[in-house]
mmCIF file of all heavy atoms, coordinates in Angstrom:
data_MODEL
# 
_entry.id   MODEL 
# 
loop_
_atom_site.group_PDB 
_atom_site.id 
_atom_site.type_symbol 
_atom_site.label_atom_id 
_atom_site.label_alt_id 
_atom_site.label_comp_id 
_atom_site.label_asym_id 
_atom_site.label_entity_id 
_atom_site.label_seq_id 
_atom_site.pdbx_PDB_ins_code 
_atom_site.Cartn_x 
_atom_site.Cartn_y 
_atom_site.Cartn_z 
_atom_site.occupancy 
_atom_site.B_iso_or_equiv 
_atom_site.pdbx_formal_charge 
_atom_site.auth_seq_id 
_atom_site.auth_comp_id 
_atom_site.auth_asym_id 
_atom_site.auth_atom_id 
_atom_site.pdbx_PDB_model_num 
ATOM 1   N N   . LEU A 1 1  ? 0.803  -1.222  0.000   1.00 0.00 ? 1  LEU A N   1 
ATOM 2   C CA  . LEU A 1 1  ? 0.000  0.000   0.000   1.00 0.00 ? 1  LEU A CA  1 
ATOM 3   C C   . LEU A 1 1  ? 0.835  1.270   0.000   1.00 0.00 ? 1  LEU A C   1 
ATOM 4   O O   . LEU A 1 1  ? 0.287  2.371   -0.086  1.00 0.00 ? 1  LEU A O   1 
ATOM 5   C CB  . LEU A 1 1  ? -0.945 0.002   1.216   1.00 0.00 ? 1  LEU A CB  1 
ATOM 6   C CG  . LEU A 1 1  ? -1.927 -1.181  1.292   1.00 0.00 ? 1  LEU A CG  1 
ATOM 7   C CD1 . LEU A 1 1  ? -2.677 -1.150  2.618   1.00 0.00 ? 1  LEU A CD1 1 
ATOM 8   C CD2 . LEU A 1 1  ? -2.897 -1.166  0.125   1.00 0.00 ? 1  LEU A CD2 1 
ATOM 9   N N   . LEU A 1 2  ? 2.160  1.135   0.106   1.00 0.00 ? 2  LEU A N   1 
ATOM 10  C CA  . LEU A 1 2  ? 3.006  2.318   0.162   1.00 0.00 ? 2  LEU A CA  1 
ATOM 11  C C   . LEU A 1 2  ? 3.099  2.983   -1.210  1.00 0.00 ? 2  LEU A C   1 
ATOM 12  O O   . LEU A 1 2  ? 3.301  2.322   -2.229  1.00 0.00 ? 2  LEU A O   1 
ATOM 13  C CB  . LEU A 1 2  ? 4.421  1.944   0.627   1.00 0.00 ? 2  LEU A CB  1 
ATOM 14  C CG  . LEU A 1 2  ? 4.569  1.422   2.063   1.00 0.00 ? 2  LEU A CG  1 
ATOM 15  C CD1 . LEU A 1 2  ? 6.025  1.047   2.323   1.00 0.00 ? 2  LEU A CD1 1 
ATOM 16  C CD2 . LEU A 1 2  ? 4.083  2.446   3.077   1.00 0.00 ? 2  LEU A CD2 1 
ATOM 17  N N   . ALA A 1 3  ? 2.950  4.301   -1.229  1.00 0.00 ? 3  ALA A N   1 
ATOM 18  C CA  . ALA A 1 3  ? 3.158  5.064   -2.454  1.00 0.00 ? 3  ALA A CA  1 
ATOM 19  C C   . ALA A 1 3  ? 4.660  5.218   -2.707  1.00 0.00 ? 3  ALA A C   1 
ATOM 20  O O   . ALA A 1 3  ? 5.479  5.041   -1.809  1.00 0.00 ? 3  ALA A O   1 
ATOM 21  C CB  . ALA A 1 3  ? 2.503  6.441   -2.329  1.00 0.00 ? 3  ALA A CB  1 
ATOM 22  N N   . ASP A 1 4  ? 5.016  5.548   -3.939  1.00 0.00 ? 4  ASP A N   1 
ATOM 23  C CA  . ASP A 1 4  ? 6.432  5.755   -4.266  1.00 0.00 ? 4  ASP A CA  1 
ATOM 24  C C   . ASP A 1 4  ? 7.054  6.837   -3.385  1.00 0.00 ? 4  ASP A C   1 
ATOM 25  O O   . ASP A 1 4  ? 8.252  6.774   -3.071  1.00 0.00 ? 4  ASP A O   1 
ATOM 26  C CB  . ASP A 1 4  ? 6.584  6.132   -5.739  1.00 0.00 ? 4  ASP A CB  1 
ATOM 27  C CG  . ASP A 1 4  ? 6.306  4.962   -6.675  1.00 0.00 ? 4  ASP A CG  1 
ATOM 28  O OD1 . ASP A 1 4  ? 6.317  3.813   -6.200  1.00 0.00 ? 4  ASP A OD1 1 
ATOM 29  O OD2 . ASP A 1 4  ? 6.070  5.207   -7.877  1.00 0.00 ? 4  ASP A OD2 1 
ATOM 30  N N   . SER A 1 5  ? 6.246  7.824   -2.995  1.00 0.00 ? 5  SER A N   1 
ATOM 31  C CA  . SER A 1 5  ? 6.750  8.914   -2.163  1.00 0.00 ? 5  SER A CA  1 
ATOM 32  C C   . SER A 1 5  ? 6.979  8.489   -0.715  1.00 0.00 ? 5  SER A C   1 
ATOM 33  O O   . SER A 1 5  ? 7.541  9.253   0.074   1.00 0.00 ? 5  SER A O   1 
ATOM 34  C CB  . SER A 1 5  ? 5.766  10.088  -2.187  1.00 0.00 ? 5  SER A CB  1 
ATOM 35  O OG  . SER A 1 5  ? 4.505  9.690   -1.649  1.00 0.00 ? 5  SER A OG  1 
ATOM 36  N N   . GLN A 1 6  ? 6.564  7.276   -0.356  1.00 0.00 ? 6  GLN A N   1 
ATOM 37  C CA  . GLN A 1 6  ? 6.687  6.786   1.020   1.00 0.00 ? 6  GLN A CA  1 
ATOM 38  C C   . GLN A 1 6  ? 7.805  5.761   1.173   1.00 0.00 ? 6  GLN A C   1 
ATOM 39  O O   . GLN A 1 6  ? 7.905  5.093   2.190   1.00 0.00 ? 6  GLN A O   1 
ATOM 40  C CB  . GLN A 1 6  ? 5.358  6.189   1.482   1.00 0.00 ? 6  GLN A CB  1 
ATOM 41  C CG  . GLN A 1 6  ? 4.249  7.232   1.582   1.00 0.00 ? 6  GLN A CG  1 
ATOM 42  C CD  . GLN A 1 6  ? 2.930  6.621   1.972   1.00 0.00 ? 6  GLN A CD  1 
ATOM 43  O OE1 . GLN A 1 6  ? 2.484  5.621   1.394   1.00 0.00 ? 6  GLN A OE1 1 
ATOM 44  N NE2 . GLN A 1 6  ? 2.282  7.194   2.969   1.00 0.00 ? 6  GLN A NE2 1 
ATOM 45  N N   . LYS A 1 7  ? 8.658  5.658   0.155   1.00 0.00 ? 7  LYS A N   1 
ATOM 46  C CA  . LYS A 1 7  ? 9.806  4.761   0.231   1.00 0.00 ? 7  LYS A CA  1 
ATOM 47  C C   . LYS A 1 7  ? 10.915 5.324   -0.646  1.00 0.00 ? 7  LYS A C   1 
ATOM 48  O O   . LYS A 1 7  ? 10.668 6.086   -1.572  1.00 0.00 ? 7  LYS A O   1 
ATOM 49  C CB  . LYS A 1 7  ? 9.434  3.343   -0.214  1.00 0.00 ? 7  LYS A CB  1 
ATOM 50  C CG  . LYS A 1 7  ? 8.894  3.261   -1.635  1.00 0.00 ? 7  LYS A CG  1 
ATOM 51  C CD  . LYS A 1 7  ? 8.384  1.864   -1.952  1.00 0.00 ? 7  LYS A CD  1 
ATOM 52  C CE  . LYS A 1 7  ? 7.800  1.784   -3.359  1.00 0.00 ? 7  LYS A CE  1 
ATOM 53  N NZ  . LYS A 1 7  ? 7.244  0.457   -3.660  1.00 0.00 ? 7  LYS A NZ  1 
ATOM 54  N N   . ARG A 1 8  ? 12.168 4.974   -0.313  1.00 0.00 ? 8  ARG A N   1 
ATOM 55  C CA  . ARG A 1 8  ? 13.326 5.467   -1.057  1.00 0.00 ? 8  ARG A CA  1 
ATOM 56  C C   . ARG A 1 8  ? 14.214 4.284   -1.406  1.00 0.00 ? 8  ARG A C   1 
ATOM 57  O O   . ARG A 1 8  ? 14.650 3.541   -0.519  1.00 0.00 ? 8  ARG A O   1 
ATOM 58  C CB  . ARG A 1 8  ? 14.101 6.473   -0.205  1.00 0.00 ? 8  ARG A CB  1 
ATOM 59  C CG  . ARG A 1 8  ? 15.294 7.107   -0.925  1.00 0.00 ? 8  ARG A CG  1 
ATOM 60  C CD  . ARG A 1 8  ? 16.040 8.096   -0.048  1.00 0.00 ? 8  ARG A CD  1 
ATOM 61  N NE  . ARG A 1 8  ? 16.887 7.479   0.960   1.00 0.00 ? 8  ARG A NE  1 
ATOM 62  C CZ  . ARG A 1 8  ? 16.624 7.464   2.248   1.00 0.00 ? 8  ARG A CZ  1 
ATOM 63  N NH1 . ARG A 1 8  ? 15.521 8.030   2.721   1.00 0.00 ? 8  ARG A NH1 1 
ATOM 64  N NH2 . ARG A 1 8  ? 17.461 6.894   3.111   1.00 0.00 ? 8  ARG A NH2 1 
ATOM 65  N N   . GLN A 1 9  ? 14.485 4.111   -2.688  1.00 0.00 ? 9  GLN A N   1 
ATOM 66  C CA  . GLN A 1 9  ? 15.318 2.994   -3.095  1.00 0.00 ? 9  GLN A CA  1 
ATOM 67  C C   . GLN A 1 9  ? 16.788 3.310   -2.852  1.00 0.00 ? 9  GLN A C   1 
ATOM 68  O O   . GLN A 1 9  ? 17.254 4.416   -3.108  1.00 0.00 ? 9  GLN A O   1 
ATOM 69  C CB  . GLN A 1 9  ? 15.095 2.656   -4.576  1.00 0.00 ? 9  GLN A CB  1 
ATOM 70  C CG  . GLN A 1 9  ? 15.854 1.399   -5.013  1.00 0.00 ? 9  GLN A CG  1 
ATOM 71  C CD  . GLN A 1 9  ? 15.407 0.874   -6.362  1.00 0.00 ? 9  GLN A CD  1 
ATOM 72  O OE1 . GLN A 1 9  ? 14.418 1.343   -6.925  1.00 0.00 ? 9  GLN A OE1 1 
ATOM 73  N NE2 . GLN A 1 9  ? 16.121 -0.116  -6.890  1.00 0.00 ? 9  GLN A NE2 1 
ATOM 74  N N   . VAL A 1 10 ? 17.491 2.312   -2.351  1.00 0.00 ? 10 VAL A N   1 
ATOM 75  C CA  . VAL A 1 10 ? 18.931 2.416   -2.108  1.00 0.00 ? 10 VAL A CA  1 
ATOM 76  C C   . VAL A 1 10 ? 19.614 1.360   -2.973  1.00 0.00 ? 10 VAL A C   1 
ATOM 77  O O   . VAL A 1 10 ? 19.401 0.165   -2.784  1.00 0.00 ? 10 VAL A O   1 
ATOM 78  C CB  . VAL A 1 10 ? 19.272 2.193   -0.629  1.00 0.00 ? 10 VAL A CB  1 
ATOM 79  C CG1 . VAL A 1 10 ? 20.784 2.238   -0.406  1.00 0.00 ? 10 VAL A CG1 1 
ATOM 80  C CG2 . VAL A 1 10 ? 18.572 3.229   0.247   1.00 0.00 ? 10 VAL A CG2 1 
ATOM 81  N N   . GLY A 1 11 ? 20.408 1.805   -3.931  1.00 0.00 ? 11 GLY A N   1 
ATOM 82  C CA  . GLY A 1 11 ? 21.074 0.872   -4.822  1.00 0.00 ? 11 GLY A CA  1 
ATOM 83  C C   . GLY A 1 11 ? 20.218 0.502   -6.019  1.00 0.00 ? 11 GLY A C   1 
ATOM 84  O O   . GLY A 1 11 ? 19.186 1.116   -6.288  1.00 0.00 ? 11 GLY A O   1 
ATOM 85  N N   . GLY A 1 12 ? 20.653 -0.540  -6.736  1.00 0.00 ? 12 GLY A N   1 
ATOM 86  C CA  . GLY A 1 12 ? 19.980 -0.945  -7.955  1.00 0.00 ? 12 GLY A CA  1 
ATOM 87  C C   . GLY A 1 12 ? 18.950 -2.024  -7.731  1.00 0.00 ? 12 GLY A C   1 
ATOM 88  O O   . GLY A 1 12 ? 18.467 -2.238  -6.629  1.00 0.00 ? 12 GLY A O   1 
ATOM 89  N N   . GLY A 1 13 ? 18.618 -2.712  -8.829  1.00 0.00 ? 13 GLY A N   1 
ATOM 90  C CA  . GLY A 1 13 ? 17.625 -3.764  -8.764  1.00 0.00 ? 13 GLY A CA  1 
ATOM 91  C C   . GLY A 1 13 ? 16.254 -3.283  -9.172  1.00 0.00 ? 13 GLY A C   1 
ATOM 92  O O   . GLY A 1 13 ? 15.962 -2.084  -9.157  1.00 0.00 ? 13 GLY A O   1 
ATOM 93  N N   . ALA A 1 14 ? 15.399 -4.228  -9.540  1.00 0.00 ? 14 ALA A N   1 
ATOM 94  C CA  . ALA A 1 14 ? 14.023 -3.918  -9.937  1.00 0.00 ? 14 ALA A CA  1 
ATOM 95  C C   . ALA A 1 14 ? 13.111 -4.996  -9.379  1.00 0.00 ? 14 ALA A C   1 
ATOM 96  O O   . ALA A 1 14 ? 13.426 -6.195  -9.471  1.00 0.00 ? 14 ALA A O   1 
ATOM 97  C CB  . ALA A 1 14 ? 13.906 -3.838  -11.453 1.00 0.00 ? 14 ALA A CB  1 
ATOM 98  N N   . ALA A 1 15 ? 12.000 -4.578  -8.810  1.00 0.00 ? 15 ALA A N   1 
ATOM 99  C CA  . ALA A 1 15 ? 11.077 -5.516  -8.171  1.00 0.00 ? 15 ALA A CA  1 
ATOM 100 C C   . ALA A 1 15 ? 10.382 -6.387  -9.201  1.00 0.00 ? 15 ALA A C   1 
ATOM 101 O O   . ALA A 1 15 ? 9.960  -5.916  -10.256 1.00 0.00 ? 15 ALA A O   1 
ATOM 102 C CB  . ALA A 1 15 ? 10.042 -4.750  -7.357  1.00 0.00 ? 15 ALA A CB  1 
ATOM 103 N N   . GLN A 1 16 ? 10.254 -7.679  -8.897  1.00 0.00 ? 16 GLN A N   1 
ATOM 104 C CA  . GLN A 1 16 ? 9.463  -8.590  -9.705  1.00 0.00 ? 16 GLN A CA  1 
ATOM 105 C C   . GLN A 1 16 ? 8.032  -8.585  -9.184  1.00 0.00 ? 16 GLN A C   1 
ATOM 106 O O   . GLN A 1 16 ? 7.793  -8.776  -7.988  1.00 0.00 ? 16 GLN A O   1 
ATOM 107 C CB  . GLN A 1 16 ? 10.032 -10.005 -9.638  1.00 0.00 ? 16 GLN A CB  1 
ATOM 108 C CG  . GLN A 1 16 ? 11.365 -10.181 -10.336 1.00 0.00 ? 16 GLN A CG  1 
ATOM 109 C CD  . GLN A 1 16 ? 11.808 -11.636 -10.370 1.00 0.00 ? 16 GLN A CD  1 
ATOM 110 O OE1 . GLN A 1 16 ? 11.056 -12.542 -10.014 1.00 0.00 ? 16 GLN A OE1 1 
ATOM 111 N NE2 . GLN A 1 16 ? 13.038 -11.866 -10.799 1.00 0.00 ? 16 GLN A NE2 1 
ATOM 112 N N   . ALA A 1 17 ? 7.085  -8.365  -10.055 1.00 0.00 ? 17 ALA A N   1 
ATOM 113 C CA  . ALA A 1 17 ? 5.681  -8.344  -9.653  1.00 0.00 ? 17 ALA A CA  1 
ATOM 114 C C   . ALA A 1 17 ? 5.247  -9.713  -9.147  1.00 0.00 ? 17 ALA A C   1 
ATOM 115 O O   . ALA A 1 17 ? 5.640  -10.753 -9.686  1.00 0.00 ? 17 ALA A O   1 
ATOM 116 C CB  . ALA A 1 17 ? 4.821  -7.923  -10.837 1.00 0.00 ? 17 ALA A CB  1 
ATOM 117 N N   . GLY A 1 18 ? 4.433  -9.704  -8.072  1.00 0.00 ? 18 GLY A N   1 
ATOM 118 C CA  . GLY A 1 18 ? 3.890  -10.943 -7.540  1.00 0.00 ? 18 GLY A CA  1 
ATOM 119 C C   . GLY A 1 18 ? 4.879  -11.818 -6.826  1.00 0.00 ? 18 GLY A C   1 
ATOM 120 O O   . GLY A 1 18 ? 4.609  -12.998 -6.567  1.00 0.00 ? 18 GLY A O   1 
ATOM 121 N N   . ALA A 1 19 ? 6.060  -11.271 -6.466  1.00 0.00 ? 19 ALA A N   1 
ATOM 122 C CA  . ALA A 1 19 ? 7.100  -12.049 -5.776  1.00 0.00 ? 19 ALA A CA  1 
ATOM 123 C C   . ALA A 1 19 ? 7.091  -11.720 -4.291  1.00 0.00 ? 19 ALA A C   1 
ATOM 124 O O   . ALA A 1 19 ? 6.566  -10.686 -3.866  1.00 0.00 ? 19 ALA A O   1 
ATOM 125 C CB  . ALA A 1 19 ? 8.468  -11.733 -6.382  1.00 0.00 ? 19 ALA A CB  1 
ATOM 126 N N   . PRO A 1 20 ? 7.668  -12.581 -3.458  1.00 0.00 ? 20 PRO A N   1 
ATOM 127 C CA  . PRO A 1 20 ? 7.738  -12.300 -2.025  1.00 0.00 ? 20 PRO A CA  1 
ATOM 128 C C   . PRO A 1 20 ? 8.484  -11.003 -1.723  1.00 0.00 ? 20 PRO A C   1 
ATOM 129 O O   . PRO A 1 20 ? 9.392  -10.600 -2.465  1.00 0.00 ? 20 PRO A O   1 
ATOM 130 C CB  . PRO A 1 20 ? 8.497  -13.509 -1.460  1.00 0.00 ? 20 PRO A CB  1 
ATOM 131 C CG  . PRO A 1 20 ? 8.252  -14.600 -2.443  1.00 0.00 ? 20 PRO A CG  1 
ATOM 132 C CD  . PRO A 1 20 ? 8.205  -13.918 -3.783  1.00 0.00 ? 20 PRO A CD  1 
ATOM 133 N N   . LEU A 1 21 ? 8.092  -10.369 -0.627  1.00 0.00 ? 21 LEU A N   1 
ATOM 134 C CA  . LEU A 1 21 ? 8.736  -9.156  -0.132  1.00 0.00 ? 21 LEU A CA  1 
ATOM 135 C C   . LEU A 1 21 ? 9.359  -9.465  1.219   1.00 0.00 ? 21 LEU A C   1 
ATOM 136 O O   . LEU A 1 21 ? 8.784  -10.204 2.028   1.00 0.00 ? 21 LEU A O   1 
ATOM 137 C CB  . LEU A 1 21 ? 7.724  -8.022  0.028   1.00 0.00 ? 21 LEU A CB  1 
ATOM 138 C CG  . LEU A 1 21 ? 6.797  -7.704  -1.150  1.00 0.00 ? 21 LEU A CG  1 
ATOM 139 C CD1 . LEU A 1 21 ? 5.826  -6.581  -0.757  1.00 0.00 ? 21 LEU A CD1 1 
ATOM 140 C CD2 . LEU A 1 21 ? 7.595  -7.324  -2.377  1.00 0.00 ? 21 LEU A CD2 1 
ATOM 141 N N   . GLY A 1 22 ? 10.519 -8.876  1.493   1.00 0.00 ? 22 GLY A N   1 
ATOM 142 C CA  . GLY A 1 22 ? 11.155 -9.017  2.798   1.00 0.00 ? 22 GLY A CA  1 
ATOM 143 C C   . GLY A 1 22 ? 11.117 -7.707  3.554   1.00 0.00 ? 22 GLY A C   1 
ATOM 144 O O   . GLY A 1 22 ? 11.065 -6.625  2.954   1.00 0.00 ? 22 GLY A O   1 
ATOM 145 N N   . LEU A 1 23 ? 11.136 -7.779  4.874   1.00 0.00 ? 23 LEU A N   1 
ATOM 146 C CA  . LEU A 1 23 ? 11.066 -6.595  5.729   1.00 0.00 ? 23 LEU A CA  1 
ATOM 147 C C   . LEU A 1 23 ? 12.010 -6.762  6.907   1.00 0.00 ? 23 LEU A C   1 
ATOM 148 O O   . LEU A 1 23 ? 12.024 -7.810  7.560   1.00 0.00 ? 23 LEU A O   1 
ATOM 149 C CB  . LEU A 1 23 ? 9.634  -6.404  6.234   1.00 0.00 ? 23 LEU A CB  1 
ATOM 150 C CG  . LEU A 1 23 ? 9.403  -5.322  7.291   1.00 0.00 ? 23 LEU A CG  1 
ATOM 151 C CD1 . LEU A 1 23 ? 9.692  -3.930  6.727   1.00 0.00 ? 23 LEU A CD1 1 
ATOM 152 C CD2 . LEU A 1 23 ? 7.978  -5.399  7.825   1.00 0.00 ? 23 LEU A CD2 1 
ATOM 153 N N   . ILE A 1 24 ? 12.791 -5.710  7.169   1.00 0.00 ? 24 ILE A N   1 
ATOM 154 C CA  . ILE A 1 24 ? 13.689 -5.710  8.321   1.00 0.00 ? 24 ILE A CA  1 
ATOM 155 C C   . ILE A 1 24 ? 13.752 -4.290  8.860   1.00 0.00 ? 24 ILE A C   1 
ATOM 156 O O   . ILE A 1 24 ? 13.626 -3.321  8.102   1.00 0.00 ? 24 ILE A O   1 
ATOM 157 C CB  . ILE A 1 24 ? 15.093 -6.225  7.930   1.00 0.00 ? 24 ILE A CB  1 
ATOM 158 C CG1 . ILE A 1 24 ? 15.969 -6.468  9.163   1.00 0.00 ? 24 ILE A CG1 1 
ATOM 159 C CG2 . ILE A 1 24 ? 15.775 -5.289  6.933   1.00 0.00 ? 24 ILE A CG2 1 
ATOM 160 C CD1 . ILE A 1 24 ? 17.231 -7.252  8.854   1.00 0.00 ? 24 ILE A CD1 1 
ATOM 161 N N   . GLY A 1 25 ? 13.897 -4.147  10.163  1.00 0.00 ? 25 GLY A N   1 
ATOM 162 C CA  . GLY A 1 25 ? 13.965 -2.799  10.713  1.00 0.00 ? 25 GLY A CA  1 
ATOM 163 C C   . GLY A 1 25 ? 14.543 -2.771  12.107  1.00 0.00 ? 25 GLY A C   1 
ATOM 164 O O   . GLY A 1 25 ? 14.193 -3.594  12.962  1.00 0.00 ? 25 GLY A O   1 
ATOM 165 N N   . ALA A 1 26 ? 15.462 -1.841  12.327  1.00 0.00 ? 26 ALA A N   1 
ATOM 166 C CA  . ALA A 1 26 ? 16.134 -1.708  13.617  1.00 0.00 ? 26 ALA A CA  1 
ATOM 167 C C   . ALA A 1 26 ? 15.581 -0.520  14.378  1.00 0.00 ? 26 ALA A C   1 
ATOM 168 O O   . ALA A 1 26 ? 15.403 0.562   13.820  1.00 0.00 ? 26 ALA A O   1 
ATOM 169 C CB  . ALA A 1 26 ? 17.637 -1.536  13.410  1.00 0.00 ? 26 ALA A CB  1 
ATOM 170 N N   . GLY A 1 27 ? 15.310 -0.729  15.650  1.00 0.00 ? 27 GLY A N   1 
ATOM 171 C CA  . GLY A 1 27 ? 14.861 0.326   16.549  1.00 0.00 ? 27 GLY A CA  1 
ATOM 172 C C   . GLY A 1 27 ? 15.258 -0.073  17.955  1.00 0.00 ? 27 GLY A C   1 
ATOM 173 O O   . GLY A 1 27 ? 16.432 -0.349  18.223  1.00 0.00 ? 27 GLY A O   1 
# 
């Protein structure tokens, strides 16, 4: 649900549609 303005890409690569997503976060 995130808009492009709500995330910033770091480095290269291109997302494959319909593929798994990973999430990690430090706090």
